[in-house]
Amino acid sequence: MKTIKKKQNAQVVQDYFKNFQVGDVEGVLNSFHPNCYIVSVKEEERPKEQLHGIYRTREEAKQFLKNIVTLFDTKAFIVERVVEAEDNLVIAMGTFSHLVKSSGKLFNSNWVQFCIIEDEMIKEYRFYEDSAALIEASK
């Protein structure tokens, strides 16, 4: 009988980024736990089309991805570091450059992402960026 090796927590997050970068939407969605909790920049309720706020469940994660591609044309997304911390926490950081579709301006930012891994999936996901730079690029 063959033993199935469990993914390391950092590998779960690295696979999420890999799927995102090649446009594998199904792979990205499957990275999320069915009962995930996603916070994009601010932990508050949001209108459906608004990017920043709370998303619950893998089903709502589809809306999260839709909001990203509706608002931005990503020019660069660089993952500089993915590290495992204690208690199933994985921290990732990097930089990105998005073209804001509504203004035609570039939104450049450092970012940091915190993920709690459960059952080899992202159970909790928190993403932070320079929201002041987004406001400026959206004018």
Protein backbone atom coordinates (compact mmCIF):
# COMPACT_ATOMS: atom_id res chain seq x y z
CA MET A 1 0.00 0.00 0.00
CA LYS A 2 1.37 3.37 -1.02
CA THR A 3 1.43 6.16 1.55
CA ILE A 4 0.21 9.52 0.28
CA LYS A 5 2.53 12.26 1.40
CA LYS A 6 0.81 15.26 2.97
CA LYS A 7 1.58 18.65 1.43
CA GLN A 8 3.62 21.05 3.49
CA ASN A 9 1.65 24.18 4.39
CA ALA A 10 3.95 26.43 2.36
CA GLN A 11 3.43 24.17 -0.68
CA VAL A 12 -0.34 24.76 -0.49
CA VAL A 13 0.25 28.50 -0.81
CA GLN A 14 2.93 28.09 -3.50
CA ASP A 15 0.52 25.94 -5.54
CA TYR A 16 -2.16 28.63 -5.14
CA PHE A 17 0.22 31.24 -6.61
CA LYS A 18 1.32 28.88 -9.40
CA ASN A 19 -2.30 28.22 -10.40
CA PHE A 20 -3.09 31.92 -10.27
CA GLN A 21 -0.12 32.83 -12.48
CA VAL A 22 -1.03 30.31 -15.19
CA GLY A 23 -4.72 31.26 -15.12
CA ASP A 24 -5.95 27.94 -13.70
CA VAL A 25 -9.12 29.31 -12.02
CA GLU A 26 -10.29 25.85 -10.96
CA GLY A 27 -6.91 25.16 -9.37
CA VAL A 28 -7.03 28.49 -7.53
CA LEU A 29 -10.54 27.81 -6.26
CA ASN A 30 -9.60 24.30 -5.16
CA SER A 31 -6.77 25.81 -3.10
CA PHE A 32 -9.45 27.31 -0.85
CA HIS A 33 -11.20 25.27 1.83
CA PRO A 34 -14.97 24.95 1.10
CA ASN A 35 -15.61 26.99 4.27
CA CYS A 36 -12.79 29.49 3.83
CA TYR A 37 -12.73 33.03 5.20
CA ILE A 38 -11.11 35.64 2.94
CA VAL A 39 -10.24 39.20 3.94
CA SER A 40 -9.13 41.49 1.14
CA VAL A 41 -7.48 44.53 2.81
CA LYS A 42 -10.30 45.37 5.24
CA GLU A 43 -12.33 43.11 7.48
CA GLU A 44 -15.83 44.41 6.81
CA GLU A 45 -18.84 43.44 4.73
CA ARG A 46 -18.77 44.61 1.11
CA PRO A 47 -21.09 45.04 -1.86
CA LYS A 48 -20.78 42.08 -4.27
CA GLU A 49 -18.69 43.94 -6.91
CA GLN A 50 -16.38 45.63 -4.38
CA LEU A 51 -12.96 43.99 -4.15
CA HIS A 52 -12.00 44.85 -0.59
CA GLY A 53 -13.84 43.25 2.28
CA ILE A 54 -14.90 39.79 3.45
CA TYR A 55 -15.65 36.71 1.36
CA ARG A 56 -16.92 33.49 2.92
CA THR A 57 -16.80 30.03 1.35
CA ARG A 58 -15.17 28.72 -1.81
CA GLU A 59 -18.26 29.85 -3.75
CA GLU A 60 -17.67 33.48 -2.74
CA ALA A 61 -13.98 33.05 -3.62
CA LYS A 62 -15.19 32.92 -7.26
CA GLN A 63 -16.53 36.46 -6.81
CA PHE A 64 -13.19 37.50 -5.28
CA LEU A 65 -11.35 36.29 -8.40
CA LYS A 66 -13.95 37.88 -10.70
CA ASN A 67 -13.57 41.22 -8.92
CA ILE A 68 -9.79 41.13 -9.35
CA VAL A 69 -9.91 40.52 -13.12
CA THR A 70 -12.77 43.00 -13.60
CA LEU A 71 -10.85 45.83 -11.90
CA PHE A 72 -7.25 45.10 -12.92
CA ASP A 73 -5.03 44.00 -15.75
CA THR A 74 -2.06 42.51 -13.90
CA LYS A 75 1.27 43.54 -15.39
CA ALA A 76 3.48 41.91 -12.74
CA PHE A 77 2.90 39.85 -9.61
CA ILE A 78 6.07 38.80 -7.85
CA VAL A 79 6.15 36.40 -4.92
CA GLU A 80 9.37 37.18 -3.07
CA ARG A 81 8.95 34.91 -0.05
CA VAL A 82 6.67 32.18 1.30
CA VAL A 83 7.43 31.06 4.85
CA GLU A 84 5.81 28.70 7.32
CA ALA A 85 5.17 30.02 10.80
CA GLU A 86 3.56 28.29 13.77
CA ASP A 87 0.03 26.87 14.01
CA ASN A 88 -0.46 26.25 10.26
CA LEU A 89 0.25 29.90 9.41
CA VAL A 90 1.94 30.67 6.10
CA ILE A 91 3.13 34.20 5.33
CA ALA A 92 3.84 35.34 1.78
CA MET A 93 5.07 38.69 0.54
CA GLY A 94 5.99 40.41 -2.67
CA THR A 95 5.15 43.21 -5.08
CA PHE A 96 2.69 43.76 -7.89
CA SER A 97 1.80 46.17 -10.65
CA HIS A 98 -1.82 46.31 -11.83
CA LEU A 99 -3.29 48.50 -14.53
CA VAL A 100 -6.51 49.94 -13.07
CA LYS A 101 -8.98 49.43 -15.93
CA SER A 102 -11.24 52.36 -14.95
CA SER A 103 -8.42 54.96 -14.91
CA GLY A 104 -5.72 53.47 -17.14
CA LYS A 105 -3.15 54.15 -14.39
CA LEU A 106 -0.71 51.73 -12.78
CA PHE A 107 -1.25 50.60 -9.21
CA ASN A 108 2.10 49.47 -7.76
CA SER A 109 2.31 48.02 -4.28
CA ASN A 110 4.10 45.77 -1.86
CA TRP A 111 1.78 43.10 -0.48
CA VAL A 112 1.64 40.59 2.32
CA GLN A 113 -0.64 37.59 2.66
CA PHE A 114 -1.42 35.50 5.73
CA CYS A 115 -2.95 32.05 5.29
CA ILE A 116 -4.11 29.46 7.80
CA ILE A 117 -3.92 25.98 6.27
CA GLU A 118 -6.37 23.23 7.17
CA ASP A 119 -6.78 19.86 5.39
CA GLU A 120 -4.14 20.96 2.82
CA MET A 121 -6.32 23.93 1.77
CA ILE A 122 -6.42 27.63 2.60
CA LYS A 123 -8.95 27.97 5.42
CA GLU A 124 -8.26 31.64 6.23
CA TYR A 125 -6.74 34.13 3.79
CA ARG A 126 -5.84 37.74 4.51
CA PHE A 127 -4.30 39.95 1.82
CA TYR A 128 -2.94 43.45 2.47
CA GLU A 129 -1.67 46.05 -0.01
CA ASP A 130 -1.06 49.80 -0.22
CA SER A 131 -4.69 50.91 -0.42
CA ALA A 132 -3.66 54.60 -0.57
CA ALA A 133 -1.77 53.80 -3.81
CA LEU A 134 -4.93 52.15 -5.18
CA ILE A 135 -6.99 55.26 -4.42
CA GLU A 136 -4.40 57.41 -6.21
CA ALA A 137 -4.25 55.08 -9.25
CA SER A 138 -8.05 55.00 -9.45
CA LYS A 139 -8.41 58.79 -9.93
